Amino acid sequence: MSITANIDELLAFINNGDNCASWRYKCMKMLNLSDNYIYKLSNLPWPFRNRYTVMKSSAYFDQQTNSYTIELSNIQRSLLPKAIQAQLPEPEDTVQMRYSDGYWRFKFVSDNHTIHITYQMHGDADAPIPPQLTRLGVINSAFITLSNLKKHFTPARH
């Protein structure tokens, strides 16, 4: 997907947990924890319990490709540093994703206003979901997330 945006505003929007439910697919809540950890709670339909991830985020700029990448990797709760575990909400009636990893890549086009965005995630919800439904959910997730992001950064036409 391509959008016209200021990269600082784009990153601030993506990283703002208060915005999560308004544009990320099935997002109920997102918390920015210390040391670049992110907690995200997602709504799954009945009969499944809601799922959460605790992602370690690392970012870098690649001068050769003129792109900025944010890599995300889910870390199981029991393997997290104690300081991060202390910041997490109680699991209550939720389940942590078995694994989840992916990235955001923002490639800058030469006009410095257009940004090509790639969003890719892989995961295992640790639920008895048929593979066809899992694939549909993954496709919907990326499409809806990117479509909602584009809407936020596209000026309304009158």
N, C-alpha and C. Protein backbone atom coordinates (compact mmCIF):
# COMPACT_ATOMS: atom_id res chain seq x y z
N MET A 1 0.84 -1.16 0.00
CA MET A 1 0.00 0.00 0.00
C MET A 1 0.89 1.23 0.00
N SER A 2 0.44 2.27 -0.64
CA SER A 2 1.16 3.54 -0.64
C SER A 2 0.27 4.64 -0.08
N ILE A 3 0.88 5.51 0.69
CA ILE A 3 0.17 6.67 1.21
C ILE A 3 1.07 7.89 1.12
N THR A 4 0.45 9.04 1.21
CA THR A 4 1.20 10.30 1.30
C THR A 4 1.09 10.74 2.75
N ALA A 5 2.24 10.78 3.43
CA ALA A 5 2.23 11.11 4.85
C ALA A 5 3.61 11.54 5.30
N ASN A 6 3.63 12.18 6.45
CA ASN A 6 4.87 12.51 7.13
C ASN A 6 5.22 11.29 7.98
N ILE A 7 6.43 10.77 7.86
CA ILE A 7 6.80 9.53 8.55
C ILE A 7 6.70 9.67 10.08
N ASP A 8 7.03 10.82 10.62
CA ASP A 8 6.93 11.00 12.07
C ASP A 8 5.48 10.90 12.54
N GLU A 9 4.55 11.52 11.79
CA GLU A 9 3.14 11.43 12.14
C GLU A 9 2.62 10.00 11.97
N LEU A 10 3.06 9.33 10.92
CA LEU A 10 2.65 7.95 10.67
C LEU A 10 3.10 7.03 11.80
N LEU A 11 4.35 7.13 12.19
CA LEU A 11 4.88 6.29 13.28
C LEU A 11 4.21 6.62 14.61
N ALA A 12 3.97 7.88 14.87
CA ALA A 12 3.30 8.28 16.11
C ALA A 12 1.89 7.67 16.16
N PHE A 13 1.20 7.67 15.02
CA PHE A 13 -0.14 7.10 14.96
C PHE A 13 -0.10 5.59 15.19
N ILE A 14 0.78 4.89 14.50
CA ILE A 14 0.88 3.44 14.61
C ILE A 14 1.25 3.01 16.02
N ASN A 15 2.13 3.77 16.67
CA ASN A 15 2.60 3.40 18.01
C ASN A 15 1.71 3.88 19.14
N ASN A 16 0.68 4.64 18.83
CA ASN A 16 -0.21 5.16 19.86
C ASN A 16 -1.24 4.09 20.20
N GLY A 17 -1.13 3.51 21.38
CA GLY A 17 -2.05 2.45 21.80
C GLY A 17 -3.50 2.89 21.84
N ASP A 18 -3.75 4.18 22.09
CA ASP A 18 -5.13 4.67 22.15
C ASP A 18 -5.83 4.56 20.80
N ASN A 19 -5.07 4.53 19.70
CA ASN A 19 -5.65 4.45 18.36
C ASN A 19 -5.96 3.02 17.93
N CYS A 20 -5.40 2.05 18.59
CA CYS A 20 -5.41 0.66 18.14
C CYS A 20 -6.80 0.15 17.73
N ALA A 21 -7.77 0.30 18.59
CA ALA A 21 -9.10 -0.27 18.32
C ALA A 21 -9.79 0.39 17.12
N SER A 22 -9.38 1.59 16.76
CA SER A 22 -10.04 2.30 15.66
C SER A 22 -9.53 1.89 14.28
N TRP A 23 -8.39 1.19 14.21
CA TRP A 23 -7.89 0.88 12.87
C TRP A 23 -7.24 -0.50 12.74
N ARG A 24 -6.73 -1.09 13.79
CA ARG A 24 -6.12 -2.42 13.68
C ARG A 24 -7.19 -3.49 13.78
N TYR A 25 -7.10 -4.47 12.93
CA TYR A 25 -8.08 -5.55 12.86
C TYR A 25 -8.21 -6.26 14.20
N LYS A 26 -9.42 -6.29 14.75
CA LYS A 26 -9.78 -7.01 15.98
C LYS A 26 -9.06 -6.52 17.23
N CYS A 27 -8.37 -5.39 17.16
CA CYS A 27 -7.64 -4.89 18.32
C CYS A 27 -8.60 -4.32 19.36
N MET A 28 -8.44 -4.80 20.58
CA MET A 28 -9.24 -4.30 21.70
C MET A 28 -8.43 -3.31 22.55
N LYS A 29 -7.12 -3.58 22.63
CA LYS A 29 -6.28 -2.79 23.53
C LYS A 29 -4.82 -2.97 23.13
N MET A 30 -4.06 -1.89 23.23
CA MET A 30 -2.62 -1.97 23.00
C MET A 30 -1.92 -1.10 24.03
N LEU A 31 -0.87 -1.66 24.64
CA LEU A 31 -0.08 -0.93 25.63
C LEU A 31 1.37 -0.91 25.19
N ASN A 32 1.98 0.25 25.27
CA ASN A 32 3.41 0.37 25.02
C ASN A 32 4.10 0.22 26.37
N LEU A 33 4.85 -0.86 26.51
CA LEU A 33 5.56 -1.14 27.74
C LEU A 33 6.98 -0.61 27.63
N SER A 34 7.76 -0.72 28.66
CA SER A 34 9.14 -0.24 28.60
C SER A 34 10.00 -1.15 27.72
N ASP A 35 11.17 -0.66 27.37
CA ASP A 35 12.18 -1.42 26.61
C ASP A 35 11.66 -1.95 25.28
N ASN A 36 10.79 -1.18 24.62
CA ASN A 36 10.27 -1.51 23.28
C ASN A 36 9.42 -2.79 23.25
N TYR A 37 8.69 -3.07 24.31
CA TYR A 37 7.74 -4.18 24.32
C TYR A 37 6.34 -3.59 24.12
N ILE A 38 5.51 -4.36 23.42
CA ILE A 38 4.14 -3.95 23.12
C ILE A 38 3.20 -5.09 23.50
N TYR A 39 2.15 -4.77 24.23
CA TYR A 39 1.10 -5.73 24.55
C TYR A 39 -0.10 -5.40 23.68
N LYS A 40 -0.66 -6.39 22.99
CA LYS A 40 -1.85 -6.16 22.17
C LYS A 40 -2.85 -7.27 22.42
N LEU A 41 -4.09 -6.87 22.73
CA LEU A 41 -5.18 -7.80 22.98
C LEU A 41 -6.13 -7.76 21.78
N SER A 42 -6.44 -8.94 21.23
CA SER A 42 -7.31 -9.05 20.06
C SER A 42 -8.58 -9.82 20.39
N ASN A 43 -9.66 -9.39 19.78
CA ASN A 43 -10.97 -9.98 19.99
C ASN A 43 -11.17 -11.15 19.03
N LEU A 44 -11.39 -12.34 19.56
CA LEU A 44 -11.73 -13.50 18.74
C LEU A 44 -13.20 -13.84 18.95
N PRO A 45 -13.86 -14.33 17.92
CA PRO A 45 -15.28 -14.63 18.05
C PRO A 45 -15.52 -15.86 18.93
N TRP A 46 -16.72 -15.93 19.49
CA TRP A 46 -17.13 -17.10 20.24
C TRP A 46 -17.03 -18.30 19.32
N PRO A 47 -16.56 -19.43 19.73
CA PRO A 47 -16.39 -19.89 21.10
C PRO A 47 -14.96 -19.73 21.61
N PHE A 48 -14.15 -18.96 20.92
CA PHE A 48 -12.73 -18.82 21.28
C PHE A 48 -12.54 -17.69 22.28
N ARG A 49 -11.47 -17.81 23.06
CA ARG A 49 -11.13 -16.75 24.00
C ARG A 49 -10.25 -15.72 23.30
N ASN A 50 -10.30 -14.48 23.77
CA ASN A 50 -9.48 -13.43 23.19
C ASN A 50 -8.01 -13.78 23.31
N ARG A 51 -7.22 -13.30 22.36
CA ARG A 51 -5.79 -13.61 22.30
C ARG A 51 -4.98 -12.34 22.49
N TYR A 52 -3.80 -12.52 23.11
CA TYR A 52 -2.89 -11.38 23.26
C TYR A 52 -1.49 -11.79 22.81
N THR A 53 -0.73 -10.76 22.48
CA THR A 53 0.69 -10.94 22.16
C THR A 53 1.48 -9.96 23.02
N VAL A 54 2.70 -10.32 23.33
CA VAL A 54 3.66 -9.40 23.92
C VAL A 54 4.83 -9.40 22.96
N MET A 55 4.93 -8.34 22.20
CA MET A 55 5.90 -8.26 21.11
C MET A 55 7.10 -7.40 21.51
N LYS A 56 8.27 -7.89 21.17
CA LYS A 56 9.49 -7.08 21.28
C LYS A 56 9.64 -6.38 19.95
N SER A 57 9.79 -5.10 19.99
CA SER A 57 9.89 -4.29 18.78
C SER A 57 11.32 -3.81 18.60
N SER A 58 11.83 -3.97 17.39
CA SER A 58 13.15 -3.40 17.08
C SER A 58 13.07 -2.74 15.71
N ALA A 59 13.66 -1.57 15.61
CA ALA A 59 13.55 -0.77 14.40
C ALA A 59 14.93 -0.43 13.85
N TYR A 60 14.98 -0.31 12.53
CA TYR A 60 16.23 0.11 11.89
C TYR A 60 15.94 0.75 10.55
N PHE A 61 16.89 1.59 10.10
CA PHE A 61 16.80 2.25 8.80
C PHE A 61 17.85 1.64 7.89
N ASP A 62 17.45 1.29 6.68
CA ASP A 62 18.35 0.73 5.67
C ASP A 62 18.57 1.78 4.59
N GLN A 63 19.78 2.35 4.56
CA GLN A 63 20.07 3.41 3.60
C GLN A 63 20.06 2.91 2.16
N GLN A 64 20.46 1.67 1.93
CA GLN A 64 20.49 1.14 0.56
C GLN A 64 19.10 1.06 -0.05
N THR A 65 18.12 0.67 0.75
CA THR A 65 16.76 0.55 0.22
C THR A 65 15.89 1.76 0.58
N ASN A 66 16.45 2.69 1.32
CA ASN A 66 15.74 3.88 1.77
C ASN A 66 14.43 3.49 2.48
N SER A 67 14.56 2.55 3.42
CA SER A 67 13.37 2.07 4.11
C SER A 67 13.62 1.95 5.61
N TYR A 68 12.53 2.08 6.35
CA TYR A 68 12.54 1.98 7.80
C TYR A 68 11.71 0.76 8.16
N THR A 69 12.25 -0.14 8.95
CA THR A 69 11.56 -1.38 9.29
C THR A 69 11.41 -1.51 10.80
N ILE A 70 10.22 -1.95 11.21
CA ILE A 70 9.95 -2.28 12.60
C ILE A 70 9.67 -3.77 12.65
N GLU A 71 10.56 -4.53 13.26
CA GLU A 71 10.37 -5.97 13.40
C GLU A 71 9.69 -6.26 14.73
N LEU A 72 8.75 -7.22 14.71
CA LEU A 72 7.97 -7.57 15.89
C LEU A 72 8.06 -9.06 16.13
N SER A 73 8.33 -9.42 17.37
CA SER A 73 8.44 -10.83 17.72
C SER A 73 7.77 -11.09 19.06
N ASN A 74 6.79 -12.01 19.06
CA ASN A 74 6.07 -12.38 20.27
C ASN A 74 6.98 -13.19 21.19
N ILE A 75 6.96 -12.87 22.46
CA ILE A 75 7.75 -13.61 23.45
C ILE A 75 6.78 -14.12 24.51
N GLN A 76 6.86 -15.40 24.79
CA GLN A 76 5.97 -15.99 25.78
C GLN A 76 6.13 -15.30 27.13
N ARG A 77 5.02 -15.12 27.80
CA ARG A 77 4.96 -14.41 29.09
C ARG A 77 6.02 -14.90 30.07
N SER A 78 6.17 -16.21 30.20
CA SER A 78 7.11 -16.76 31.19
C SER A 78 8.58 -16.48 30.84
N LEU A 79 8.86 -16.14 29.59
CA LEU A 79 10.23 -15.86 29.16
C LEU A 79 10.58 -14.37 29.15
N LEU A 80 9.60 -13.55 29.45
CA LEU A 80 9.83 -12.10 29.46
C LEU A 80 10.63 -11.68 30.69
N PRO A 81 11.38 -10.59 30.57
CA PRO A 81 12.04 -10.06 31.77
C PRO A 81 10.99 -9.74 32.84
N LYS A 82 11.36 -9.91 34.09
CA LYS A 82 10.44 -9.70 35.21
C LYS A 82 9.83 -8.29 35.19
N ALA A 83 10.63 -7.30 34.79
CA ALA A 83 10.13 -5.92 34.74
C ALA A 83 9.00 -5.77 33.72
N ILE A 84 9.07 -6.51 32.64
CA ILE A 84 8.01 -6.47 31.62
C ILE A 84 6.79 -7.26 32.11
N GLN A 85 7.03 -8.41 32.70
CA GLN A 85 5.92 -9.21 33.24
C GLN A 85 5.09 -8.38 34.23
N ALA A 86 5.75 -7.57 35.02
CA ALA A 86 5.07 -6.76 36.03
C ALA A 86 4.16 -5.70 35.41
N GLN A 87 4.43 -5.31 34.15
CA GLN A 87 3.63 -4.28 33.47
C GLN A 87 2.42 -4.86 32.74
N LEU A 88 2.35 -6.18 32.62
CA LEU A 88 1.28 -6.81 31.85
C LEU A 88 -0.03 -6.88 32.63
N PRO A 89 -1.15 -6.73 31.93
CA PRO A 89 -2.44 -6.98 32.59
C PRO A 89 -2.53 -8.45 32.96
N GLU A 90 -3.36 -8.76 33.94
CA GLU A 90 -3.59 -10.16 34.30
C GLU A 90 -4.23 -10.87 33.11
N PRO A 91 -3.87 -12.13 32.87
CA PRO A 91 -4.41 -12.84 31.71
C PRO A 91 -5.93 -13.03 31.75
N GLU A 92 -6.51 -13.11 32.95
CA GLU A 92 -7.94 -13.34 33.12
C GLU A 92 -8.42 -14.44 32.18
N ASP A 93 -9.32 -14.12 31.26
CA ASP A 93 -9.88 -15.14 30.37
C ASP A 93 -9.31 -15.01 28.96
N THR A 94 -8.01 -14.77 28.87
CA THR A 94 -7.35 -14.63 27.56
C THR A 94 -6.26 -15.68 27.41
N VAL A 95 -5.79 -15.84 26.20
CA VAL A 95 -4.74 -16.80 25.88
C VAL A 95 -3.67 -16.06 25.09
N GLN A 96 -2.40 -16.32 25.41
CA GLN A 96 -1.34 -15.71 24.62
C GLN A 96 -1.16 -16.50 23.32
N MET A 97 -0.97 -15.79 22.25
CA MET A 97 -0.68 -16.44 20.96
C MET A 97 0.53 -17.35 21.15
N ARG A 98 0.48 -18.52 20.54
CA ARG A 98 1.60 -19.46 20.65
C ARG A 98 2.85 -18.83 20.05
N TYR A 99 2.70 -18.27 18.87
CA TYR A 99 3.79 -17.46 18.29
C TYR A 99 3.19 -16.43 17.36
N SER A 100 3.90 -15.38 17.17
CA SER A 100 3.48 -14.30 16.28
C SER A 100 4.72 -13.47 15.99
N ASP A 101 4.97 -13.25 14.73
CA ASP A 101 6.08 -12.38 14.36
C ASP A 101 5.77 -11.73 13.03
N GLY A 102 6.47 -10.65 12.76
CA GLY A 102 6.24 -9.95 11.51
C GLY A 102 6.96 -8.62 11.50
N TYR A 103 6.51 -7.74 10.61
CA TYR A 103 7.17 -6.45 10.49
C TYR A 103 6.29 -5.44 9.77
N TRP A 104 6.64 -4.18 10.00
CA TRP A 104 6.16 -3.04 9.22
C TRP A 104 7.38 -2.55 8.45
N ARG A 105 7.23 -2.30 7.16
CA ARG A 105 8.33 -1.70 6.38
C ARG A 105 7.78 -0.47 5.67
N PHE A 106 8.49 0.63 5.83
CA PHE A 106 8.12 1.91 5.23
C PHE A 106 9.22 2.30 4.26
N LYS A 107 8.94 2.21 2.96
CA LYS A 107 9.93 2.54 1.93
C LYS A 107 9.59 3.93 1.39
N PHE A 108 10.58 4.79 1.45
CA PHE A 108 10.37 6.18 1.03
C PHE A 108 10.61 6.32 -0.46
N VAL A 109 9.64 6.93 -1.14
CA VAL A 109 9.75 7.19 -2.57
C VAL A 109 10.48 8.51 -2.73
N SER A 110 11.12 8.69 -3.85
CA SER A 110 12.00 9.84 -4.06
C SER A 110 11.34 11.19 -3.83
N ASP A 111 10.01 11.31 -3.94
CA ASP A 111 9.38 12.61 -3.73
C ASP A 111 9.28 12.98 -2.25
N ASN A 112 9.71 12.06 -1.36
CA ASN A 112 9.74 12.28 0.09
C ASN A 112 8.37 12.46 0.74
N HIS A 113 7.29 12.28 -0.01
CA HIS A 113 5.97 12.37 0.59
C HIS A 113 5.23 11.04 0.49
N THR A 114 5.59 10.23 -0.49
CA THR A 114 4.93 8.95 -0.66
C THR A 114 5.70 7.87 0.08
N ILE A 115 4.96 7.05 0.79
CA ILE A 115 5.57 5.96 1.55
C ILE A 115 4.88 4.66 1.14
N HIS A 116 5.66 3.69 0.68
CA HIS A 116 5.14 2.36 0.40
C HIS A 116 5.21 1.58 1.71
N ILE A 117 4.07 1.00 2.11
CA ILE A 117 3.99 0.29 3.38
C ILE A 117 3.76 -1.19 3.13
N THR A 118 4.59 -2.00 3.77
CA THR A 118 4.39 -3.44 3.78
C THR A 118 4.14 -3.85 5.23
N TYR A 119 3.08 -4.60 5.44
CA TYR A 119 2.74 -5.09 6.77
C TYR A 119 2.59 -6.60 6.65
N GLN A 120 3.40 -7.33 7.39
CA GLN A 120 3.36 -8.79 7.31
C GLN A 120 3.43 -9.37 8.71
N MET A 121 2.50 -10.29 9.00
CA MET A 121 2.50 -10.98 10.29
C MET A 121 2.23 -12.46 10.06
N HIS A 122 2.85 -13.28 10.88
CA HIS A 122 2.58 -14.72 10.92
C HIS A 122 2.25 -15.06 12.36
N GLY A 123 1.39 -16.03 12.55
CA GLY A 123 1.08 -16.37 13.92
C GLY A 123 0.34 -17.68 14.06
N ASP A 124 0.29 -18.14 15.29
CA ASP A 124 -0.45 -19.33 15.66
C ASP A 124 -1.27 -18.94 16.88
N ALA A 125 -2.60 -18.91 16.70
CA ALA A 125 -3.49 -18.45 17.76
C ALA A 125 -3.67 -19.48 18.87
N ASP A 126 -3.09 -20.68 18.69
CA ASP A 126 -3.24 -21.73 19.70
C ASP A 126 -4.71 -22.03 19.96
N ALA A 127 -5.45 -22.22 18.84
CA ALA A 127 -6.88 -22.51 18.92
C ALA A 127 -7.23 -23.54 17.85
N PRO A 128 -8.23 -24.36 18.11
CA PRO A 128 -8.64 -25.37 17.13
C PRO A 128 -9.47 -24.76 16.01
N ILE A 129 -8.82 -23.94 15.19
CA ILE A 129 -9.48 -23.27 14.08
C ILE A 129 -9.09 -23.97 12.79
N PRO A 130 -10.06 -24.29 11.93
CA PRO A 130 -9.72 -24.92 10.65
C PRO A 130 -8.78 -24.04 9.83
N PRO A 131 -7.83 -24.64 9.10
CA PRO A 131 -6.85 -23.87 8.33
C PRO A 131 -7.49 -22.84 7.37
N GLN A 132 -8.64 -23.17 6.80
CA GLN A 132 -9.30 -22.24 5.87
C GLN A 132 -9.71 -20.96 6.60
N LEU A 133 -10.22 -21.09 7.82
CA LEU A 133 -10.60 -19.91 8.59
C LEU A 133 -9.38 -19.12 9.05
N THR A 134 -8.33 -19.84 9.39
CA THR A 134 -7.09 -19.16 9.80
C THR A 134 -6.55 -18.31 8.65
N ARG A 135 -6.50 -18.89 7.45
CA ARG A 135 -6.00 -18.13 6.29
C ARG A 135 -6.88 -16.91 6.01
N LEU A 136 -8.20 -17.10 6.09
CA LEU A 136 -9.12 -15.99 5.86
C LEU A 136 -8.88 -14.89 6.89
N GLY A 137 -8.68 -15.26 8.14
CA GLY A 137 -8.41 -14.27 9.19
C GLY A 137 -7.13 -13.49 8.95
N VAL A 138 -6.09 -14.18 8.50
CA VAL A 138 -4.81 -13.52 8.22
C VAL A 138 -4.97 -12.53 7.07
N ILE A 139 -5.65 -12.95 6.02
CA ILE A 139 -5.86 -12.06 4.87
C ILE A 139 -6.70 -10.86 5.29
N ASN A 140 -7.80 -11.11 6.00
CA ASN A 140 -8.65 -10.02 6.46
C ASN A 140 -7.89 -9.06 7.36
N SER A 141 -7.07 -9.61 8.24
CA SER A 141 -6.31 -8.79 9.19
C SER A 141 -5.45 -7.76 8.46
N ALA A 142 -4.64 -8.22 7.53
CA ALA A 142 -3.75 -7.31 6.81
C ALA A 142 -4.54 -6.31 5.97
N PHE A 143 -5.54 -6.80 5.24
CA PHE A 143 -6.32 -5.93 4.37
C PHE A 143 -7.04 -4.84 5.16
N ILE A 144 -7.74 -5.24 6.22
CA ILE A 144 -8.51 -4.27 7.00
C ILE A 144 -7.59 -3.30 7.73
N THR A 145 -6.50 -3.80 8.30
CA THR A 145 -5.55 -2.93 8.99
C THR A 145 -4.98 -1.88 8.05
N LEU A 146 -4.50 -2.31 6.88
CA LEU A 146 -3.92 -1.35 5.93
C LEU A 146 -4.98 -0.41 5.35
N SER A 147 -6.16 -0.92 5.07
CA SER A 147 -7.24 -0.06 4.55
C SER A 147 -7.60 1.02 5.56
N ASN A 148 -7.73 0.64 6.83
CA ASN A 148 -8.06 1.63 7.87
C ASN A 148 -6.94 2.64 8.06
N LEU A 149 -5.70 2.18 7.96
CA LEU A 149 -4.57 3.10 8.08
C LEU A 149 -4.60 4.11 6.94
N LYS A 150 -4.85 3.62 5.73
CA LYS A 150 -4.91 4.51 4.57
C LYS A 150 -6.02 5.55 4.73
N LYS A 151 -7.18 5.13 5.23
CA LYS A 151 -8.30 6.06 5.45
C LYS A 151 -7.89 7.19 6.38
N HIS A 152 -7.13 6.85 7.41
CA HIS A 152 -6.72 7.88 8.38
C HIS A 152 -5.82 8.92 7.74
N PHE A 153 -5.01 8.51 6.78
CA PHE A 153 -4.04 9.42 6.18
C PHE A 153 -4.46 9.94 4.80
N THR A 154 -5.69 9.67 4.40
CA THR A 154 -6.21 10.19 3.15
C THR A 154 -7.19 11.31 3.46
N PRO A 155 -6.91 12.52 2.95
CA PRO A 155 -7.81 13.64 3.23
C PRO A 155 -9.22 13.36 2.68
N ALA A 156 -10.22 13.78 3.41
CA ALA A 156 -11.60 13.62 2.95
C ALA A 156 -11.84 14.52 1.75
N ARG A 157 -12.54 13.96 0.76
CA ARG A 157 -12.85 14.77 -0.44
C ARG A 157 -14.30 15.24 -0.34
N HIS A 158 -14.51 16.47 -0.72
CA HIS A 158 -15.88 17.04 -0.67
C HIS A 158 -16.41 17.20 -2.05
